[in-house]
Amino acid sequence: MNEADSIPRIGQVVRILQGREAGQYAVVLKLIDNRYVLLADGEKRKYDRPKKKNLHHIEVMDYISPEVQNSLLETGRVTNGKLRFAVTKFMNELVTD
């Protein structure tokens, strides 16, 4: 994986590799700098209390949720329901493939 692939985009689904939430999926809400991102899944980790994660501790998945991305770019906010929907939709596509 080259450097361009390892930088997640807003609305992209990632898998957490390190920490208490290891193995769970979340959505990128914001890129803080070239080292950290803010993540939330809408269920355990809500939008108003996102988790700050090091880029080395997440695995970027090849799926960007258009609903979450559009909501964040247009209004700067996203509902927890949309976050849950994005993660569930990704999981369903992952299982069917």
PDB file of N, CA and C in Angstrom:
ATOM      1  N   MET A   1       0.849  -1.177   0.000  1.00  0.00           N
ATOM      2  CA  MET A   1       0.000   0.000   0.000  1.00  0.00           C
ATOM      3  C   MET A   1       0.888   1.230   0.000  1.00  0.00           C
ATOM      4  N   ASN A   2       0.653   2.124  -0.965  1.00  0.00           N
ATOM      5  CA  ASN A   2       1.488   3.324  -1.023  1.00  0.00           C
ATOM      6  C   ASN A   2       0.922   4.432  -0.143  1.00  0.00           C
ATOM      7  N   GLU A   3       1.635   5.534  -0.079  1.00  0.00           N
ATOM      8  CA  GLU A   3       1.276   6.620   0.845  1.00  0.00           C
ATOM      9  C   GLU A   3      -0.088   7.220   0.526  1.00  0.00           C
ATOM     10  N   ALA A   4      -0.429   7.331  -0.754  1.00  0.00           N
ATOM     11  CA  ALA A   4      -1.712   7.936  -1.133  1.00  0.00           C
ATOM     12  C   ALA A   4      -2.892   7.076  -0.695  1.00  0.00           C
ATOM     13  N   ASP A   5      -2.731   5.741  -0.699  1.00  0.00           N
ATOM     14  CA  ASP A   5      -3.816   4.855  -0.293  1.00  0.00           C
ATOM     15  C   ASP A   5      -4.032   4.848   1.215  1.00  0.00           C
ATOM     16  N   SER A   6      -3.001   5.162   1.986  1.00  0.00           N
ATOM     17  CA  SER A   6      -3.105   5.058   3.434  1.00  0.00           C
ATOM     18  C   SER A   6      -3.761   6.284   4.069  1.00  0.00           C
ATOM     19  N   ILE A   7      -3.934   7.364   3.308  1.00  0.00           N
ATOM     20  CA  ILE A   7      -4.582   8.556   3.857  1.00  0.00           C
ATOM     21  C   ILE A   7      -6.082   8.443   3.606  1.00  0.00           C
ATOM     22  N   PRO A   8      -6.876   8.315   4.669  1.00  0.00           N
ATOM     23  CA  PRO A   8      -8.321   8.160   4.481  1.00  0.00           C
ATOM     24  C   PRO A   8      -8.983   9.473   4.075  1.00  0.00           C
ATOM     25  N   ARG A   9     -10.164   9.359   3.508  1.00  0.00           N
ATOM     26  CA  ARG A   9     -10.946  10.531   3.124  1.00  0.00           C
ATOM     27  C   ARG A   9     -12.165  10.622   4.032  1.00  0.00           C
ATOM     28  N   ILE A  10     -12.766  11.798   4.087  1.00  0.00           N
ATOM     29  CA  ILE A  10     -13.961  12.006   4.912  1.00  0.00           C
ATOM     30  C   ILE A  10     -15.081  11.095   4.399  1.00  0.00           C
ATOM     31  N   GLY A  11     -15.725  10.388   5.327  1.00  0.00           N
ATOM     32  CA  GLY A  11     -16.802   9.470   4.976  1.00  0.00           C
ATOM     33  C   GLY A  11     -16.338   8.063   4.676  1.00  0.00           C
ATOM     34  N   GLN A  12     -15.038   7.813   4.743  1.00  0.00           N
ATOM     35  CA  GLN A  12     -14.506   6.490   4.420  1.00  0.00           C
ATOM     36  C   GLN A  12     -14.587   5.569   5.635  1.00  0.00           C
ATOM     37  N   VAL A  13     -14.911   4.320   5.377  1.00  0.00           N
ATOM     38  CA  VAL A  13     -14.991   3.316   6.433  1.00  0.00           C
ATOM     39  C   VAL A  13     -13.590   2.766   6.687  1.00  0.00           C
ATOM     40  N   VAL A  14     -13.235   2.634   7.975  1.00  0.00           N
ATOM     41  CA  VAL A  14     -11.939   2.081   8.359  1.00  0.00           C
ATOM     42  C   VAL A  14     -12.153   0.996   9.410  1.00  0.00           C
ATOM     43  N   ARG A  15     -11.175   0.097   9.514  1.00  0.00           N
ATOM     44  CA  ARG A  15     -11.194  -0.923  10.558  1.00  0.00           C
ATOM     45  C   ARG A  15     -10.153  -0.544  11.587  1.00  0.00           C
ATOM     46  N   ILE A  16     -10.524  -0.565  12.857  1.00  0.00           N
ATOM     47  CA  ILE A  16      -9.616  -0.205  13.939  1.00  0.00           C
ATOM     48  C   ILE A  16      -8.748  -1.420  14.258  1.00  0.00           C
ATOM     49  N   LEU A  17      -7.438  -1.219  14.282  1.00  0.00           N
ATOM     50  CA  LEU A  17      -6.497  -2.320  14.495  1.00  0.00           C
ATOM     51  C   LEU A  17      -5.949  -2.368  15.917  1.00  0.00           C
ATOM     52  N   GLN A  18      -5.844  -1.223  16.581  1.00  0.00           N
ATOM     53  CA  GLN A  18      -5.238  -1.144  17.902  1.00  0.00           C
ATOM     54  C   GLN A  18      -6.204  -0.519  18.902  1.00  0.00           C
ATOM     55  N   GLY A  19      -6.067  -0.917  20.148  1.00  0.00           N
ATOM     56  CA  GLY A  19      -6.850  -0.302  21.217  1.00  0.00           C
ATOM     57  C   GLY A  19      -8.040  -1.139  21.635  1.00  0.00           C
ATOM     58  N   ARG A  20      -8.853  -0.566  22.475  1.00  0.00           N
ATOM     59  CA  ARG A  20     -10.014  -1.245  23.041  1.00  0.00           C
ATOM     60  C   ARG A  20     -11.035  -1.617  21.977  1.00  0.00           C
ATOM     61  N   GLU A  21     -11.142  -0.801  20.934  1.00  0.00           N
ATOM     62  CA  GLU A  21     -12.139  -1.025  19.888  1.00  0.00           C
ATOM     63  C   GLU A  21     -11.574  -1.800  18.702  1.00  0.00           C
ATOM     64  N   ALA A  22     -10.479  -2.528  18.883  1.00  0.00           N
ATOM     65  CA  ALA A  22      -9.824  -3.266  17.798  1.00  0.00           C
ATOM     66  C   ALA A  22     -10.792  -4.247  17.152  1.00  0.00           C
ATOM     67  N   GLY A  23     -10.782  -4.288  15.826  1.00  0.00           N
ATOM     68  CA  GLY A  23     -11.654  -5.180  15.079  1.00  0.00           C
ATOM     69  C   GLY A  23     -12.981  -4.559  14.687  1.00  0.00           C
ATOM     70  N   GLN A  24     -13.298  -3.403  15.235  1.00  0.00           N
ATOM     71  CA  GLN A  24     -14.558  -2.749  14.908  1.00  0.00           C
ATOM     72  C   GLN A  24     -14.366  -1.799  13.727  1.00  0.00           C
ATOM     73  N   TYR A  25     -15.477  -1.443  13.106  1.00  0.00           N
ATOM     74  CA  TYR A  25     -15.454  -0.529  11.967  1.00  0.00           C
ATOM     75  C   TYR A  25     -15.999   0.827  12.396  1.00  0.00           C
ATOM     76  N   ALA A  26     -15.466   1.884  11.773  1.00  0.00           N
ATOM     77  CA  ALA A  26     -15.909   3.242  12.063  1.00  0.00           C
ATOM     78  C   ALA A  26     -15.781   4.068  10.790  1.00  0.00           C
ATOM     79  N   VAL A  27     -16.299   5.299  10.835  1.00  0.00           N
ATOM     80  CA  VAL A  27     -16.282   6.199   9.691  1.00  0.00           C
ATOM     81  C   VAL A  27     -15.408   7.402  10.027  1.00  0.00           C
ATOM     82  N   VAL A  28     -14.613   7.845   9.063  1.00  0.00           N
ATOM     83  CA  VAL A  28     -13.751   9.011   9.244  1.00  0.00           C
ATOM     84  C   VAL A  28     -14.614  10.268   9.191  1.00  0.00           C
ATOM     85  N   LEU A  29     -14.565  11.063  10.274  1.00  0.00           N
ATOM     86  CA  LEU A  29     -15.308  12.312  10.323  1.00  0.00           C
ATOM     87  C   LEU A  29     -14.452  13.501   9.923  1.00  0.00           C
ATOM     88  N   LYS A  30     -13.170  13.459  10.303  1.00  0.00           N
ATOM     89  CA  LYS A  30     -12.312  14.613  10.068  1.00  0.00           C
ATOM     90  C   LYS A  30     -10.857  14.167  10.060  1.00  0.00           C
ATOM     91  N   LEU A  31     -10.063  14.788   9.200  1.00  0.00           N
ATOM     92  CA  LEU A  31      -8.621  14.596   9.204  1.00  0.00           C
ATOM     93  C   LEU A  31      -8.021  15.720  10.041  1.00  0.00           C
ATOM     94  N   ILE A  32      -7.399  15.382  11.159  1.00  0.00           N
ATOM     95  CA  ILE A  32      -6.825  16.402  12.037  1.00  0.00           C
ATOM     96  C   ILE A  32      -5.531  16.938  11.435  1.00  0.00           C
ATOM     97  N   ASP A  33      -4.620  16.042  11.098  1.00  0.00           N
ATOM     98  CA  ASP A  33      -3.375  16.395  10.421  1.00  0.00           C
ATOM     99  C   ASP A  33      -2.915  15.163   9.659  1.00  0.00           C
ATOM    100  N   ASN A  34      -1.637  15.105   9.294  1.00  0.00           N
ATOM    101  CA  ASN A  34      -1.187  13.946   8.516  1.00  0.00           C
ATOM    102  C   ASN A  34      -0.940  12.715   9.382  1.00  0.00           C
ATOM    103  N   ARG A  35      -1.323  12.771  10.655  1.00  0.00           N
ATOM    104  CA  ARG A  35      -1.098  11.644  11.567  1.00  0.00           C
ATOM    105  C   ARG A  35      -2.358  11.135  12.263  1.00  0.00           C
ATOM    106  N   TYR A  36      -3.341  12.003  12.483  1.00  0.00           N
ATOM    107  CA  TYR A  36      -4.528  11.635  13.262  1.00  0.00           C
ATOM    108  C   TYR A  36      -5.822  11.909  12.500  1.00  0.00           C
ATOM    109  N   VAL A  37      -6.843  11.112  12.819  1.00  0.00           N
ATOM    110  CA  VAL A  37      -8.195  11.299  12.291  1.00  0.00           C
ATOM    111  C   VAL A  37      -9.191  11.181  13.442  1.00  0.00           C
ATOM    112  N   LEU A  38     -10.400  11.687  13.216  1.00  0.00           N
ATOM    113  CA  LEU A  38     -11.497  11.511  14.165  1.00  0.00           C
ATOM    114  C   LEU A  38     -12.456  10.480  13.596  1.00  0.00           C
ATOM    115  N   LEU A  39     -12.809   9.487  14.428  1.00  0.00           N
ATOM    116  CA  LEU A  39     -13.666   8.383  14.003  1.00  0.00           C
ATOM    117  C   LEU A  39     -14.920   8.298  14.865  1.00  0.00           C
ATOM    118  N   ALA A  40     -16.012   7.836  14.260  1.00  0.00           N
ATOM    119  CA  ALA A  40     -17.239   7.548  15.005  1.00  0.00           C
ATOM    120  C   ALA A  40     -17.985   6.452  14.260  1.00  0.00           C
ATOM    121  N   ASP A  41     -18.783   5.675  15.013  1.00  0.00           N
ATOM    122  CA  ASP A  41     -19.587   4.629  14.368  1.00  0.00           C
ATOM    123  C   ASP A  41     -21.086   4.860  14.553  1.00  0.00           C
ATOM    124  N   GLY A  42     -21.470   5.859  15.343  1.00  0.00           N
ATOM    125  CA  GLY A  42     -22.885   6.172  15.535  1.00  0.00           C
ATOM    126  C   GLY A  42     -23.561   5.335  16.597  1.00  0.00           C
ATOM    127  N   GLU A  43     -22.898   4.296  17.080  1.00  0.00           N
ATOM    128  CA  GLU A  43     -23.492   3.420  18.073  1.00  0.00           C
ATOM    129  C   GLU A  43     -22.760   3.565  19.410  1.00  0.00           C
ATOM    130  N   LYS A  44     -21.592   2.970  19.516  1.00  0.00           N
ATOM    131  CA  LYS A  44     -20.807   3.099  20.750  1.00  0.00           C
ATOM    132  C   LYS A  44     -20.058   4.424  20.787  1.00  0.00           C
ATOM    133  N   ARG A  45     -19.616   4.859  19.632  1.00  0.00           N
ATOM    134  CA  ARG A  45     -18.866   6.111  19.534  1.00  0.00           C
ATOM    135  C   ARG A  45     -19.712   7.080  18.712  1.00  0.00           C
ATOM    136  N   LYS A  46     -20.368   8.031  19.388  1.00  0.00           N
ATOM    137  CA  LYS A  46     -21.306   8.941  18.741  1.00  0.00           C
ATOM    138  C   LYS A  46     -20.567  10.078  18.024  1.00  0.00           C
ATOM    139  N   TYR A  47     -21.334  10.817  17.194  1.00  0.00           N
ATOM    140  CA  TYR A  47     -20.766  11.924  16.430  1.00  0.00           C
ATOM    141  C   TYR A  47     -20.197  13.016  17.337  1.00  0.00           C
ATOM    142  N   ASP A  48     -20.898  13.325  18.423  1.00  0.00           N
ATOM    143  CA  ASP A  48     -20.465  14.428  19.282  1.00  0.00           C
ATOM    144  C   ASP A  48     -19.301  14.059  20.200  1.00  0.00           C
ATOM    145  N   ARG A  49     -18.892  12.784  20.243  1.00  0.00           N
ATOM    146  CA  ARG A  49     -17.712  12.359  21.012  1.00  0.00           C
ATOM    147  C   ARG A  49     -16.854  11.414  20.165  1.00  0.00           C
ATOM    148  N   PRO A  50     -16.271  11.949  19.072  1.00  0.00           N
ATOM    149  CA  PRO A  50     -15.494  11.066  18.194  1.00  0.00           C
ATOM    150  C   PRO A  50     -14.185  10.627  18.837  1.00  0.00           C
ATOM    151  N   LYS A  51     -13.618   9.556  18.323  1.00  0.00           N
ATOM    152  CA  LYS A  51     -12.368   9.000  18.826  1.00  0.00           C
ATOM    153  C   LYS A  51     -11.221   9.501  17.958  1.00  0.00           C
ATOM    154  N   LYS A  52     -10.197  10.050  18.595  1.00  0.00           N
ATOM    155  CA  LYS A  52      -8.990  10.466  17.885  1.00  0.00           C
ATOM    156  C   LYS A  52      -8.092   9.240  17.752  1.00  0.00           C
ATOM    157  N   LYS A  53      -7.746   8.890  16.506  1.00  0.00           N
ATOM    158  CA  LYS A  53      -6.948   7.692  16.255  1.00  0.00           C
ATOM    159  C   LYS A  53      -5.749   8.016  15.380  1.00  0.00           C
ATOM    160  N   ASN A  54      -4.641   7.350  15.667  1.00  0.00           N
ATOM    161  CA  ASN A  54      -3.431   7.442  14.868  1.00  0.00           C
ATOM    162  C   ASN A  54      -3.662   6.668  13.564  1.00  0.00           C
ATOM    163  N   LEU A  55      -3.154   7.201  12.450  1.00  0.00           N
ATOM    164  CA  LEU A  55      -3.336   6.541  11.159  1.00  0.00           C
ATOM    165  C   LEU A  55      -2.699   5.152  11.116  1.00  0.00           C
ATOM    166  N   HIS A  56      -1.662   4.927  11.919  1.00  0.00           N
ATOM    167  CA  HIS A  56      -1.008   3.624  11.946  1.00  0.00           C
ATOM    168  C   HIS A  56      -1.857   2.565  12.654  1.00  0.00           C
ATOM    169  N   HIS A  57      -2.901   3.002  13.369  1.00  0.00           N
ATOM    170  CA  HIS A  57      -3.735   2.087  14.136  1.00  0.00           C
ATOM    171  C   HIS A  57      -5.057   1.769  13.460  1.00  0.00           C
ATOM    172  N   ILE A  58      -5.209   2.182  12.196  1.00  0.00           N
ATOM    173  CA  ILE A  58      -6.433   1.883  11.454  1.00  0.00           C
ATOM    174  C   ILE A  58      -6.069   1.298  10.088  1.00  0.00           C
ATOM    175  N   GLU A  59      -6.999   0.530   9.539  1.00  0.00           N
ATOM    176  CA  GLU A  59      -6.851  -0.008   8.185  1.00  0.00           C
ATOM    177  C   GLU A  59      -7.936   0.618   7.319  1.00  0.00           C
ATOM    178  N   VAL A  60      -7.521   1.300   6.268  1.00  0.00           N
ATOM    179  CA  VAL A  60      -8.458   1.997   5.393  1.00  0.00           C
ATOM    180  C   VAL A  60      -9.140   0.984   4.479  1.00  0.00           C
ATOM    181  N   MET A  61     -10.474   0.999   4.484  1.00  0.00           N
ATOM    182  CA  MET A  61     -11.251   0.110   3.624  1.00  0.00           C
ATOM    183  C   MET A  61     -11.556   0.814   2.303  1.00  0.00           C
ATOM    184  N   ASP A  62     -11.882   0.036   1.306  1.00  0.00           N
ATOM    185  CA  ASP A  62     -12.144   0.588  -0.026  1.00  0.00           C
ATOM    186  C   ASP A  62     -13.626   0.920  -0.177  1.00  0.00           C
ATOM    187  N   TYR A  63     -14.158   1.730   0.731  1.00  0.00           N
ATOM    188  CA  TYR A  63     -15.570   2.108   0.689  1.00  0.00           C
ATOM    189  C   TYR A  63     -15.744   3.485   1.308  1.00  0.00           C
ATOM    190  N   ILE A  64     -16.335   4.390   0.567  1.00  0.00           N
ATOM    191  CA  ILE A  64     -16.653   5.732   1.067  1.00  0.00           C
ATOM    192  C   ILE A  64     -18.164   5.871   1.032  1.00  0.00           C
ATOM    193  N   SER A  65     -18.746   6.238   2.168  1.00  0.00           N
ATOM    194  CA  SER A  65     -20.197   6.401   2.255  1.00  0.00           C
ATOM    195  C   SER A  65     -20.593   7.752   1.663  1.00  0.00           C
ATOM    196  N   PRO A  66     -21.334   7.763   0.553  1.00  0.00           N
ATOM    197  CA  PRO A  66     -21.723   9.050  -0.042  1.00  0.00           C
ATOM    198  C   PRO A  66     -22.665   9.851   0.853  1.00  0.00           C
ATOM    199  N   GLU A  67     -23.519   9.160   1.622  1.00  0.00           N
ATOM    200  CA  GLU A  67     -24.451   9.869   2.503  1.00  0.00           C
ATOM    201  C   GLU A  67     -23.692  10.655   3.572  1.00  0.00           C
ATOM    202  N   VAL A  68     -22.740   9.995   4.221  1.00  0.00           N
ATOM    203  CA  VAL A  68     -21.965  10.643   5.283  1.00  0.00           C
ATOM    204  C   VAL A  68     -21.090  11.738   4.695  1.00  0.00           C
ATOM    205  N   GLN A  69     -20.438  11.462   3.586  1.00  0.00           N
ATOM    206  CA  GLN A  69     -19.543  12.434   2.966  1.00  0.00           C
ATOM    207  C   GLN A  69     -20.303  13.697   2.566  1.00  0.00           C
ATOM    208  N   ASN A  70     -21.450  13.542   1.902  1.00  0.00           N
ATOM    209  CA  ASN A  70     -22.237  14.705   1.488  1.00  0.00           C
ATOM    210  C   ASN A  70     -22.735  15.502   2.677  1.00  0.00           C
ATOM    211  N   SER A  71     -23.215  14.815   3.712  1.00  0.00           N
ATOM    212  CA  SER A  71     -23.727  15.497   4.902  1.00  0.00           C
ATOM    213  C   SER A  71     -22.628  16.312   5.585  1.00  0.00           C
ATOM    214  N   LEU A  72     -21.444  15.724   5.736  1.00  0.00           N
ATOM    215  CA  LEU A  72     -20.338  16.430   6.389  1.00  0.00           C
ATOM    216  C   LEU A  72     -19.860  17.605   5.558  1.00  0.00           C
ATOM    217  N   LEU A  73     -19.799  17.459   4.244  1.00  0.00           N
ATOM    218  CA  LEU A  73     -19.319  18.549   3.396  1.00  0.00           C
ATOM    219  C   LEU A  73     -20.342  19.683   3.278  1.00  0.00           C
ATOM    220  N   GLU A  74     -21.639  19.348   3.287  1.00  0.00           N
ATOM    221  CA  GLU A  74     -22.670  20.376   3.137  1.00  0.00           C
ATOM    222  C   GLU A  74     -22.954  21.109   4.438  1.00  0.00           C
ATOM    223  N   THR A  75     -23.156  20.362   5.529  1.00  0.00           N
ATOM    224  CA  THR A  75     -23.586  20.983   6.787  1.00  0.00           C
ATOM    225  C   THR A  75     -22.516  20.965   7.872  1.00  0.00           C
ATOM    226  N   GLY A  76     -21.502  20.126   7.710  1.00  0.00           N
ATOM    227  CA  GLY A  76     -20.480  20.008   8.749  1.00  0.00           C
ATOM    228  C   GLY A  76     -20.882  19.063   9.871  1.00  0.00           C
ATOM    229  N   ARG A  77     -22.063  18.465   9.752  1.00  0.00           N
ATOM    230  CA  ARG A  77     -22.548  17.526  10.770  1.00  0.00           C
ATOM    231  C   ARG A  77     -23.103  16.293  10.081  1.00  0.00           C
ATOM    232  N   VAL A  78     -23.257  15.236  10.861  1.00  0.00           N
ATOM    233  CA  VAL A  78     -23.882  14.013  10.353  1.00  0.00           C
ATOM    234  C   VAL A  78     -24.621  13.371  11.521  1.00  0.00           C
ATOM    235  N   THR A  79     -25.727  12.710  11.224  1.00  0.00           N
ATOM    236  CA  THR A  79     -26.483  12.069  12.301  1.00  0.00           C
ATOM    237  C   THR A  79     -25.850  10.726  12.639  1.00  0.00           C
ATOM    238  N   ASN A  80     -26.083  10.281  13.860  1.00  0.00           N
ATOM    239  CA  ASN A  80     -25.591   8.971  14.284  1.00  0.00           C
ATOM    240  C   ASN A  80     -26.250   7.854  13.475  1.00  0.00           C
ATOM    241  N   GLY A  81     -27.488   8.086  13.066  1.00  0.00           N
ATOM    242  CA  GLY A  81     -28.192   7.102  12.241  1.00  0.00           C
ATOM    243  C   GLY A  81     -27.505   6.895  10.899  1.00  0.00           C
ATOM    244  N   LYS A  82     -27.030   7.978  10.295  1.00  0.00           N
ATOM    245  CA  LYS A  82     -26.323   7.853   9.017  1.00  0.00           C
ATOM    246  C   LYS A  82     -25.004   7.114   9.203  1.00  0.00           C
ATOM    247  N   LEU A  83     -24.342   7.341  10.329  1.00  0.00           N
ATOM    248  CA  LEU A  83     -23.088   6.626  10.603  1.00  0.00           C
ATOM    249  C   LEU A  83     -23.347   5.139  10.765  1.00  0.00           C
ATOM    250  N   ARG A  84     -24.396   4.794  11.528  1.00  0.00           N
ATOM    251  CA  ARG A  84     -24.759   3.384  11.709  1.00  0.00           C
ATOM    252  C   ARG A  84     -25.129   2.749  10.366  1.00  0.00           C
ATOM    253  N   PHE A  85     -25.880   3.497   9.550  1.00  0.00           N
ATOM    254  CA  PHE A  85     -26.290   3.008   8.238  1.00  0.00           C
ATOM    255  C   PHE A  85     -25.072   2.733   7.358  1.00  0.00           C
ATOM    256  N   ALA A  86     -24.083   3.637   7.374  1.00  0.00           N
ATOM    257  CA  ALA A  86     -22.882   3.470   6.544  1.00  0.00           C
ATOM    258  C   ALA A  86     -22.101   2.231   6.954  1.00  0.00           C
ATOM    259  N   VAL A  87     -21.932   2.027   8.257  1.00  0.00           N
ATOM    260  CA  VAL A  87     -21.178   0.866   8.739  1.00  0.00           C
ATOM    261  C   VAL A  87     -21.939  -0.419   8.421  1.00  0.00           C
ATOM    262  N   THR A  88     -23.252  -0.423   8.634  1.00  0.00           N
ATOM    263  CA  THR A  88     -24.068  -1.611   8.360  1.00  0.00           C
ATOM    264  C   THR A  88     -24.062  -1.945   6.873  1.00  0.00           C
ATOM    265  N   LYS A  89     -24.181  -0.930   6.026  1.00  0.00           N
ATOM    266  CA  LYS A  89     -24.170  -1.147   4.585  1.00  0.00           C
ATOM    267  C   LYS A  89     -22.837  -1.737   4.137  1.00  0.00           C
ATOM    268  N   PHE A  90     -21.744  -1.221   4.692  1.00  0.00           N
ATOM    269  CA  PHE A  90     -20.423  -1.759   4.369  1.00  0.00           C
ATOM    270  C   PHE A  90     -20.300  -3.212   4.808  1.00  0.00           C
ATOM    271  N   MET A  91     -20.772  -3.510   6.020  1.00  0.00           N
ATOM    272  CA  MET A  91     -20.679  -4.881   6.552  1.00  0.00           C
ATOM    273  C   MET A  91     -21.492  -5.840   5.674  1.00  0.00           C
ATOM    274  N   ASN A  92     -22.681  -5.412   5.229  1.00  0.00           N
ATOM    275  CA  ASN A  92     -23.503  -6.267   4.369  1.00  0.00           C
ATOM    276  C   ASN A  92     -22.827  -6.537   3.033  1.00  0.00           C
ATOM    277  N   GLU A  93     -22.181  -5.520   2.458  1.00  0.00           N
ATOM    278  CA  GLU A  93     -21.471  -5.701   1.191  1.00  0.00           C
ATOM    279  C   GLU A  93     -20.257  -6.608   1.386  1.00  0.00           C
ATOM    280  N   LEU A  94     -19.600  -6.488   2.540  1.00  0.00           N
ATOM    281  CA  LEU A  94     -18.427  -7.297   2.838  1.00  0.00           C
ATOM    282  C   LEU A  94     -18.818  -8.769   2.963  1.00  0.00           C
ATOM    283  N   VAL A  95     -19.945  -9.030   3.608  1.00  0.00           N
ATOM    284  CA  VAL A  95     -20.398 -10.402   3.826  1.00  0.00           C
ATOM    285  C   VAL A  95     -20.836 -11.027   2.504  1.00  0.00           C
ATOM    286  N   THR A  96     -21.510 -10.260   1.642  1.00  0.00           N
ATOM    287  CA  THR A  96     -22.001 -10.813   0.367  1.00  0.00           C
ATOM    288  C   THR A  96     -20.853 -11.081  -0.593  1.00  0.00           C
ATOM    289  N   ASP A  97     -19.768 -10.325  -0.511  1.00  0.00           N
ATOM    290  CA  ASP A  97     -18.614 -10.549  -1.398  1.00  0.00           C
ATOM    291  C   ASP A  97     -17.807 -11.652  -0.860  1.00  0.00           C
TER     292      ASP A  97
END
